[in-house]
Amino acid sequence: SFECASGVSAVLVSTLAFAVACEAARRLARRAFRGGHFDALALASAWLFALNPANVFYGIAYTESGFSCASFIGYLALADGWDVASG
């Protein structure tokens, strides 16, 4: 039915956005630590983001994973020197 398909697609989109947010968090932490020997620390920070107690909201059809994804990608764009305008 349509309700079932829309529910499943919402969960899939949310899960995909969470996976992208985890990768963006790792890249942002790697850029913040700026060193090859800090890659493990960047990976640990991404794991801490992925395994925090509130991660139950990232796997269901809520907006938290999409917001986290957009936030981390925006922070990366800002770190790259993009002129990010709000509004």
PDB file of N, CA and C in Angstrom:
ATOM      1  N   SER A   1       0.827  -1.180   0.000  1.00  0.00           N
ATOM      2  CA  SER A   1       0.000   0.000   0.000  1.00  0.00           C
ATOM      3  C   SER A   1       0.877   1.252   0.000  1.00  0.00           C
ATOM      4  N   PHE A   2       0.248   2.370  -0.251  1.00  0.00           N
ATOM      5  CA  PHE A   2       0.975   3.637  -0.324  1.00  0.00           C
ATOM      6  C   PHE A   2       1.560   4.023   1.029  1.00  0.00           C
ATOM      7  N   GLU A   3       0.822   3.800   2.105  1.00  0.00           N
ATOM      8  CA  GLU A   3       1.311   4.165   3.432  1.00  0.00           C
ATOM      9  C   GLU A   3       2.550   3.369   3.811  1.00  0.00           C
ATOM     10  N   CYS A   4       2.552   2.104   3.466  1.00  0.00           N
ATOM     11  CA  CYS A   4       3.701   1.258   3.766  1.00  0.00           C
ATOM     12  C   CYS A   4       4.919   1.688   2.943  1.00  0.00           C
ATOM     13  N   ALA A   5       4.703   1.950   1.672  1.00  0.00           N
ATOM     14  CA  ALA A   5       5.808   2.360   0.803  1.00  0.00           C
ATOM     15  C   ALA A   5       6.370   3.713   1.212  1.00  0.00           C
ATOM     16  N   SER A   6       5.496   4.624   1.600  1.00  0.00           N
ATOM     17  CA  SER A   6       5.994   5.940   2.013  1.00  0.00           C
ATOM     18  C   SER A   6       6.743   5.849   3.343  1.00  0.00           C
ATOM     19  N   GLY A   7       6.302   4.989   4.229  1.00  0.00           N
ATOM     20  CA  GLY A   7       6.997   4.804   5.500  1.00  0.00           C
ATOM     21  C   GLY A   7       8.374   4.189   5.310  1.00  0.00           C
ATOM     22  N   VAL A   8       8.446   3.185   4.460  1.00  0.00           N
ATOM     23  CA  VAL A   8       9.728   2.536   4.198  1.00  0.00           C
ATOM     24  C   VAL A   8      10.681   3.494   3.495  1.00  0.00           C
ATOM     25  N   SER A   9      10.169   4.259   2.540  1.00  0.00           N
ATOM     26  CA  SER A   9      11.044   5.207   1.838  1.00  0.00           C
ATOM     27  C   SER A   9      11.520   6.314   2.775  1.00  0.00           C
ATOM     28  N   ALA A  10      10.690   6.735   3.708  1.00  0.00           N
ATOM     29  CA  ALA A  10      11.113   7.761   4.674  1.00  0.00           C
ATOM     30  C   ALA A  10      12.228   7.236   5.571  1.00  0.00           C
ATOM     31  N   VAL A  11      12.124   5.996   5.991  1.00  0.00           N
ATOM     32  CA  VAL A  11      13.173   5.403   6.827  1.00  0.00           C
ATOM     33  C   VAL A  11      14.460   5.231   6.023  1.00  0.00           C
ATOM     34  N   LEU A  12      14.353   4.847   4.760  1.00  0.00           N
ATOM     35  CA  LEU A  12      15.541   4.692   3.920  1.00  0.00           C
ATOM     36  C   LEU A  12      16.235   6.028   3.676  1.00  0.00           C
ATOM     37  N   VAL A  13      15.471   7.070   3.407  1.00  0.00           N
ATOM     38  CA  VAL A  13      16.057   8.394   3.206  1.00  0.00           C
ATOM     39  C   VAL A  13      16.726   8.871   4.496  1.00  0.00           C
ATOM     40  N   SER A  14      16.082   8.643   5.620  1.00  0.00           N
ATOM     41  CA  SER A  14      16.643   9.050   6.901  1.00  0.00           C
ATOM     42  C   SER A  14      17.936   8.288   7.197  1.00  0.00           C
ATOM     43  N   THR A  15      17.957   7.007   6.911  1.00  0.00           N
ATOM     44  CA  THR A  15      19.150   6.199   7.154  1.00  0.00           C
ATOM     45  C   THR A  15      20.289   6.609   6.227  1.00  0.00           C
ATOM     46  N   LEU A  16      19.980   6.906   4.986  1.00  0.00           N
ATOM     47  CA  LEU A  16      21.002   7.371   4.046  1.00  0.00           C
ATOM     48  C   LEU A  16      21.572   8.722   4.476  1.00  0.00           C
ATOM     49  N   ALA A  17      20.699   9.615   4.907  1.00  0.00           N
ATOM     50  CA  ALA A  17      21.172  10.924   5.389  1.00  0.00           C
ATOM     51  C   ALA A  17      22.049  10.760   6.625  1.00  0.00           C
ATOM     52  N   PHE A  18      21.738   9.799   7.475  1.00  0.00           N
ATOM     53  CA  PHE A  18      22.564   9.549   8.661  1.00  0.00           C
ATOM     54  C   PHE A  18      23.935   9.020   8.267  1.00  0.00           C
ATOM     55  N   ALA A  19      23.996   8.138   7.275  1.00  0.00           N
ATOM     56  CA  ALA A  19      25.281   7.617   6.814  1.00  0.00           C
ATOM     57  C   ALA A  19      26.138   8.732   6.212  1.00  0.00           C
ATOM     58  N   VAL A  20      25.519   9.607   5.439  1.00  0.00           N
ATOM     59  CA  VAL A  20      26.248  10.743   4.867  1.00  0.00           C
ATOM     60  C   VAL A  20      26.708  11.688   5.978  1.00  0.00           C
ATOM     61  N   ALA A  21      25.882  11.888   6.984  1.00  0.00           N
ATOM     62  CA  ALA A  21      26.257  12.750   8.112  1.00  0.00           C
ATOM     63  C   ALA A  21      27.439  12.168   8.880  1.00  0.00           C
ATOM     64  N   CYS A  22      27.478  10.853   9.040  1.00  0.00           N
ATOM     65  CA  CYS A  22      28.618  10.228   9.723  1.00  0.00           C
ATOM     66  C   CYS A  22      29.908  10.450   8.948  1.00  0.00           C
ATOM     67  N   GLU A  23      29.856  10.274   7.635  1.00  0.00           N
ATOM     68  CA  GLU A  23      31.046  10.498   6.818  1.00  0.00           C
ATOM     69  C   GLU A  23      31.462  11.973   6.833  1.00  0.00           C
ATOM     70  N   ALA A  24      30.486  12.861   6.776  1.00  0.00           N
ATOM     71  CA  ALA A  24      30.799  14.291   6.833  1.00  0.00           C
ATOM     72  C   ALA A  24      31.380  14.669   8.186  1.00  0.00           C
ATOM     73  N   ALA A  25      30.894  14.056   9.259  1.00  0.00           N
ATOM     74  CA  ALA A  25      31.450  14.318  10.588  1.00  0.00           C
ATOM     75  C   ALA A  25      32.891  13.828  10.674  1.00  0.00           C
ATOM     76  N   ARG A  26      33.186  12.690  10.070  1.00  0.00           N
ATOM     77  CA  ARG A  26      34.558  12.182  10.060  1.00  0.00           C
ATOM     78  C   ARG A  26      35.483  13.116   9.292  1.00  0.00           C
ATOM     79  N   ARG A  27      35.017  13.573   8.131  1.00  0.00           N
ATOM     80  CA  ARG A  27      35.841  14.483   7.326  1.00  0.00           C
ATOM     81  C   ARG A  27      36.046  15.821   8.041  1.00  0.00           C
ATOM     82  N   LEU A  28      35.000  16.291   8.705  1.00  0.00           N
ATOM     83  CA  LEU A  28      35.128  17.556   9.438  1.00  0.00           C
ATOM     84  C   LEU A  28      36.101  17.419  10.607  1.00  0.00           C
ATOM     85  N   ALA A  29      36.022  16.312  11.325  1.00  0.00           N
ATOM     86  CA  ALA A  29      36.952  16.087  12.435  1.00  0.00           C
ATOM     87  C   ALA A  29      38.371  15.909  11.921  1.00  0.00           C
ATOM     88  N   ARG A  30      38.525  15.242  10.802  1.00  0.00           N
ATOM     89  CA  ARG A  30      39.862  15.073  10.219  1.00  0.00           C
ATOM     90  C   ARG A  30      40.458  16.418   9.833  1.00  0.00           C
ATOM     91  N   ARG A  31      39.620  17.275   9.288  1.00  0.00           N
ATOM     92  CA  ARG A  31      40.094  18.604   8.916  1.00  0.00           C
ATOM     93  C   ARG A  31      40.419  19.432  10.164  1.00  0.00           C
ATOM     94  N   ALA A  32      39.638  19.261  11.220  1.00  0.00           N
ATOM     95  CA  ALA A  32      39.883  20.039  12.450  1.00  0.00           C
ATOM     96  C   ALA A  32      41.175  19.612  13.134  1.00  0.00           C
ATOM     97  N   PHE A  33      41.492  18.317  13.077  1.00  0.00           N
ATOM     98  CA  PHE A  33      42.699  17.831  13.741  1.00  0.00           C
ATOM     99  C   PHE A  33      43.939  17.995  12.873  1.00  0.00           C
ATOM    100  N   ARG A  34      43.795  18.114  11.561  1.00  0.00           N
ATOM    101  CA  ARG A  34      44.844  18.437  10.588  1.00  0.00           C
ATOM    102  C   ARG A  34      46.130  17.636  10.724  1.00  0.00           C
ATOM    103  N   GLY A  35      46.018  16.365  10.786  1.00  0.00           N
ATOM    104  CA  GLY A  35      47.242  15.585  10.828  1.00  0.00           C
ATOM    105  C   GLY A  35      46.979  14.143  10.467  1.00  0.00           C
ATOM    106  N   GLY A  36      47.941  13.512   9.845  1.00  0.00           N
ATOM    107  CA  GLY A  36      47.768  12.127   9.453  1.00  0.00           C
ATOM    108  C   GLY A  36      47.653  11.188  10.635  1.00  0.00           C
ATOM    109  N   HIS A  37      48.355  11.491  11.722  1.00  0.00           N
ATOM    110  CA  HIS A  37      48.301  10.599  12.876  1.00  0.00           C
ATOM    111  C   HIS A  37      47.048  10.825  13.722  1.00  0.00           C
ATOM    112  N   PHE A  38      46.225  11.796  13.346  1.00  0.00           N
ATOM    113  CA  PHE A  38      44.973  12.017  14.061  1.00  0.00           C
ATOM    114  C   PHE A  38      43.775  11.399  13.340  1.00  0.00           C
ATOM    115  N   ASP A  39      44.020  10.582  12.312  1.00  0.00           N
ATOM    116  CA  ASP A  39      42.921   9.934  11.597  1.00  0.00           C
ATOM    117  C   ASP A  39      42.111   9.027  12.514  1.00  0.00           C
ATOM    118  N   ALA A  40      42.784   8.368  13.437  1.00  0.00           N
ATOM    119  CA  ALA A  40      42.075   7.498  14.371  1.00  0.00           C
ATOM    120  C   ALA A  40      41.154   8.306  15.284  1.00  0.00           C
ATOM    121  N   LEU A  41      41.592   9.486  15.659  1.00  0.00           N
ATOM    122  CA  LEU A  41      40.758  10.350  16.494  1.00  0.00           C
ATOM    123  C   LEU A  41      39.548  10.862  15.724  1.00  0.00           C
ATOM    124  N   ALA A  42      39.745  11.182  14.445  1.00  0.00           N
ATOM    125  CA  ALA A  42      38.621  11.608  13.608  1.00  0.00           C
ATOM    126  C   ALA A  42      37.629  10.474  13.429  1.00  0.00           C
ATOM    127  N   LEU A  43      38.128   9.268  13.234  1.00  0.00           N
ATOM    128  CA  LEU A  43      37.241   8.114  13.100  1.00  0.00           C
ATOM    129  C   LEU A  43      36.503   7.835  14.406  1.00  0.00           C
ATOM    130  N   ALA A  44      37.189   7.992  15.529  1.00  0.00           N
ATOM    131  CA  ALA A  44      36.541   7.787  16.827  1.00  0.00           C
ATOM    132  C   ALA A  44      35.450   8.818  17.073  1.00  0.00           C
ATOM    133  N   SER A  45      35.670  10.054  16.639  1.00  0.00           N
ATOM    134  CA  SER A  45      34.635  11.065  16.821  1.00  0.00           C
ATOM    135  C   SER A  45      33.418  10.766  15.951  1.00  0.00           C
ATOM    136  N   ALA A  46      33.626  10.232  14.760  1.00  0.00           N
ATOM    137  CA  ALA A  46      32.489   9.834  13.925  1.00  0.00           C
ATOM    138  C   ALA A  46      31.738   8.662  14.543  1.00  0.00           C
ATOM    139  N   TRP A  47      32.483   7.724  15.134  1.00  0.00           N
ATOM    140  CA  TRP A  47      31.827   6.606  15.813  1.00  0.00           C
ATOM    141  C   TRP A  47      31.038   7.091  17.036  1.00  0.00           C
ATOM    142  N   LEU A  48      31.576   8.052  17.750  1.00  0.00           N
ATOM    143  CA  LEU A  48      30.839   8.590  18.892  1.00  0.00           C
ATOM    144  C   LEU A  48      29.565   9.302  18.450  1.00  0.00           C
ATOM    145  N   PHE A  49      29.623   9.973  17.307  1.00  0.00           N
ATOM    146  CA  PHE A  49      28.411  10.573  16.764  1.00  0.00           C
ATOM    147  C   PHE A  49      27.408   9.485  16.379  1.00  0.00           C
ATOM    148  N   ALA A  50      27.897   8.414  15.787  1.00  0.00           N
ATOM    149  CA  ALA A  50      27.001   7.346  15.322  1.00  0.00           C
ATOM    150  C   ALA A  50      26.421   6.535  16.469  1.00  0.00           C
ATOM    151  N   LEU A  51      27.154   6.409  17.555  1.00  0.00           N
ATOM    152  CA  LEU A  51      26.719   5.526  18.647  1.00  0.00           C
ATOM    153  C   LEU A  51      26.226   6.277  19.879  1.00  0.00           C
ATOM    154  N   ASN A  52      25.853   7.535  19.714  1.00  0.00           N
ATOM    155  CA  ASN A  52      25.375   8.283  20.877  1.00  0.00           C
ATOM    156  C   ASN A  52      23.976   7.798  21.278  1.00  0.00           C
ATOM    157  N   PRO A  53      23.540   8.077  22.488  1.00  0.00           N
ATOM    158  CA  PRO A  53      22.241   7.569  22.944  1.00  0.00           C
ATOM    159  C   PRO A  53      21.044   8.081  22.141  1.00  0.00           C
ATOM    160  N   ALA A  54      21.193   9.185  21.454  1.00  0.00           N
ATOM    161  CA  ALA A  54      20.082   9.736  20.681  1.00  0.00           C
ATOM    162  C   ALA A  54      20.039   9.211  19.248  1.00  0.00           C
ATOM    163  N   ASN A  55      20.873   8.227  18.922  1.00  0.00           N
ATOM    164  CA  ASN A  55      20.898   7.747  17.543  1.00  0.00           C
ATOM    165  C   ASN A  55      19.639   6.987  17.150  1.00  0.00           C
ATOM    166  N   VAL A  56      18.794   6.687  18.091  1.00  0.00           N
ATOM    167  CA  VAL A  56      17.528   6.043  17.751  1.00  0.00           C
ATOM    168  C   VAL A  56      16.678   6.964  16.866  1.00  0.00           C
ATOM    169  N   PHE A  57      16.860   8.257  17.002  1.00  0.00           N
ATOM    170  CA  PHE A  57      16.102   9.207  16.192  1.00  0.00           C
ATOM    171  C   PHE A  57      16.654   9.336  14.778  1.00  0.00           C
ATOM    172  N   TYR A  58      17.874   8.859  14.554  1.00  0.00           N
ATOM    173  CA  TYR A  58      18.452   8.937  13.213  1.00  0.00           C
ATOM    174  C   TYR A  58      17.964   7.808  12.308  1.00  0.00           C
ATOM    175  N   GLY A  59      17.478   6.740  12.864  1.00  0.00           N
ATOM    176  CA  GLY A  59      17.065   5.593  12.070  1.00  0.00           C
ATOM    177  C   GLY A  59      15.576   5.515  11.809  1.00  0.00           C
ATOM    178  N   ILE A  60      14.816   6.507  12.239  1.00  0.00           N
ATOM    179  CA  ILE A  60      13.378   6.510  11.983  1.00  0.00           C
ATOM    180  C   ILE A  60      13.033   7.744  11.158  1.00  0.00           C
ATOM    181  N   ALA A  61      11.804   7.869  10.787  1.00  0.00           N
ATOM    182  CA  ALA A  61      11.396   8.928   9.857  1.00  0.00           C
ATOM    183  C   ALA A  61      11.241  10.275  10.565  1.00  0.00           C
ATOM    184  N   TYR A  62      12.307  10.745  11.177  1.00  0.00           N
ATOM    185  CA  TYR A  62      12.353  12.078  11.767  1.00  0.00           C
ATOM    186  C   TYR A  62      13.297  12.946  10.944  1.00  0.00           C
ATOM    187  N   THR A  63      13.377  14.211  11.252  1.00  0.00           N
ATOM    188  CA  THR A  63      14.203  15.130  10.472  1.00  0.00           C
ATOM    189  C   THR A  63      15.616  15.289  11.021  1.00  0.00           C
ATOM    190  N   GLU A  64      15.937  14.627  12.125  1.00  0.00           N
ATOM    191  CA  GLU A  64      17.235  14.834  12.750  1.00  0.00           C
ATOM    192  C   GLU A  64      18.394  14.417  11.856  1.00  0.00           C
ATOM    193  N   SER A  65      18.260  13.306  11.149  1.00  0.00           N
ATOM    194  CA  SER A  65      19.370  12.866  10.306  1.00  0.00           C
ATOM    195  C   SER A  65      19.561  13.799   9.121  1.00  0.00           C
ATOM    196  N   GLY A  66      18.498  14.281   8.542  1.00  0.00           N
ATOM    197  CA  GLY A  66      18.621  15.244   7.444  1.00  0.00           C
ATOM    198  C   GLY A  66      19.231  16.553   7.905  1.00  0.00           C
ATOM    199  N   PHE A  67      18.848  17.003   9.092  1.00  0.00           N
ATOM    200  CA  PHE A  67      19.414  18.235   9.643  1.00  0.00           C
ATOM    201  C   PHE A  67      20.892  18.056   9.962  1.00  0.00           C
ATOM    202  N   SER A  68      21.260  16.915  10.535  1.00  0.00           N
ATOM    203  CA  SER A  68      22.669  16.657  10.825  1.00  0.00           C
ATOM    204  C   SER A  68      23.489  16.594   9.549  1.00  0.00           C
ATOM    205  N   CYS A  69      22.941  15.951   8.535  1.00  0.00           N
ATOM    206  CA  CYS A  69      23.627  15.849   7.248  1.00  0.00           C
ATOM    207  C   CYS A  69      23.849  17.241   6.652  1.00  0.00           C
ATOM    208  N   ALA A  70      22.822  18.045   6.627  1.00  0.00           N
ATOM    209  CA  ALA A  70      22.941  19.390   6.069  1.00  0.00           C
ATOM    210  C   ALA A  70      23.885  20.252   6.899  1.00  0.00           C
ATOM    211  N   SER A  71      23.856  20.104   8.208  1.00  0.00           N
ATOM    212  CA  SER A  71      24.735  20.890   9.075  1.00  0.00           C
ATOM    213  C   SER A  71      26.198  20.548   8.856  1.00  0.00           C
ATOM    214  N   PHE A  72      26.525  19.259   8.856  1.00  0.00           N
ATOM    215  CA  PHE A  72      27.919  18.865   8.682  1.00  0.00           C
ATOM    216  C   PHE A  72      28.434  19.222   7.293  1.00  0.00           C
ATOM    217  N   ILE A  73      27.606  19.068   6.274  1.00  0.00           N
ATOM    218  CA  ILE A  73      28.027  19.448   4.922  1.00  0.00           C
ATOM    219  C   ILE A  73      28.209  20.964   4.845  1.00  0.00           C
ATOM    220  N   GLY A  74      27.353  21.710   5.511  1.00  0.00           N
ATOM    221  CA  GLY A  74      27.516  23.158   5.557  1.00  0.00           C
ATOM    222  C   GLY A  74      28.786  23.574   6.282  1.00  0.00           C
ATOM    223  N   TYR A  75      29.111  22.879   7.383  1.00  0.00           N
ATOM    224  CA  TYR A  75      30.349  23.174   8.098  1.00  0.00           C
ATOM    225  C   TYR A  75      31.569  22.865   7.236  1.00  0.00           C
ATOM    226  N   LEU A  76      31.491  21.776   6.475  1.00  0.00           N
ATOM    227  CA  LEU A  76      32.593  21.448   5.569  1.00  0.00           C
ATOM    228  C   LEU A  76      32.745  22.508   4.486  1.00  0.00           C
ATOM    229  N   ALA A  77      31.628  22.971   3.942  1.00  0.00           N
ATOM    230  CA  ALA A  77      31.682  24.022   2.921  1.00  0.00           C
ATOM    231  C   ALA A  77      32.269  25.306   3.508  1.00  0.00           C
ATOM    232  N   LEU A  78      31.911  25.616   4.733  1.00  0.00           N
ATOM    233  CA  LEU A  78      32.462  26.799   5.393  1.00  0.00           C
ATOM    234  C   LEU A  78      33.960  26.650   5.637  1.00  0.00           C
ATOM    235  N   ALA A  79      34.381  25.446   6.013  1.00  0.00           N
ATOM    236  CA  ALA A  79      35.811  25.199   6.227  1.00  0.00           C
ATOM    237  C   ALA A  79      36.591  25.276   4.918  1.00  0.00           C
ATOM    238  N   ASP A  80      35.942  24.962   3.807  1.00  0.00           N
ATOM    239  CA  ASP A  80      36.593  25.061   2.490  1.00  0.00           C
ATOM    240  C   ASP A  80      36.635  26.487   1.963  1.00  0.00           C
ATOM    241  N   GLY A  81      35.992  27.396   2.662  1.00  0.00           N
ATOM    242  CA  GLY A  81      36.026  28.797   2.256  1.00  0.00           C
ATOM    243  C   GLY A  81      34.868  29.211   1.379  1.00  0.00           C
ATOM    244  N   TRP A  82      33.856  28.380   1.276  1.00  0.00           N
ATOM    245  CA  TRP A  82      32.674  28.765   0.498  1.00  0.00           C
ATOM    246  C   TRP A  82      31.957  29.898   1.218  1.00  0.00           C
ATOM    247  N   ASP A  83      31.376  30.768   0.453  1.00  0.00           N
ATOM    248  CA  ASP A  83      30.589  31.852   1.020  1.00  0.00           C
ATOM    249  C   ASP A  83      29.182  31.312   1.253  1.00  0.00           C
ATOM    250  N   VAL A  84      28.930  30.860   2.451  1.00  0.00           N
ATOM    251  CA  VAL A  84      27.661  30.246   2.792  1.00  0.00           C
ATOM    252  C   VAL A  84      26.743  31.319   3.358  1.00  0.00           C
ATOM    253  N   ALA A  85      25.656  31.553   2.656  1.00  0.00           N
ATOM    254  CA  ALA A  85      24.676  32.546   3.112  1.00  0.00           C
ATOM    255  C   ALA A  85      23.488  31.843   3.724  1.00  0.00           C
ATOM    256  N   SER A  86      22.964  32.391   4.776  1.00  0.00           N
ATOM    257  CA  SER A  86      21.780  31.812   5.399  1.00  0.00           C
ATOM    258  C   SER A  86      20.558  32.605   5.008  1.00  0.00           C
ATOM    259  N   GLY A  87      19.425  31.934   5.116  1.00  0.00           N
ATOM    260  CA  GLY A  87      18.184  32.638   4.859  1.00  0.00           C
ATOM    261  C   GLY A  87      17.509  32.273   3.648  1.00  0.00           C
TER     262      GLY A  87
END
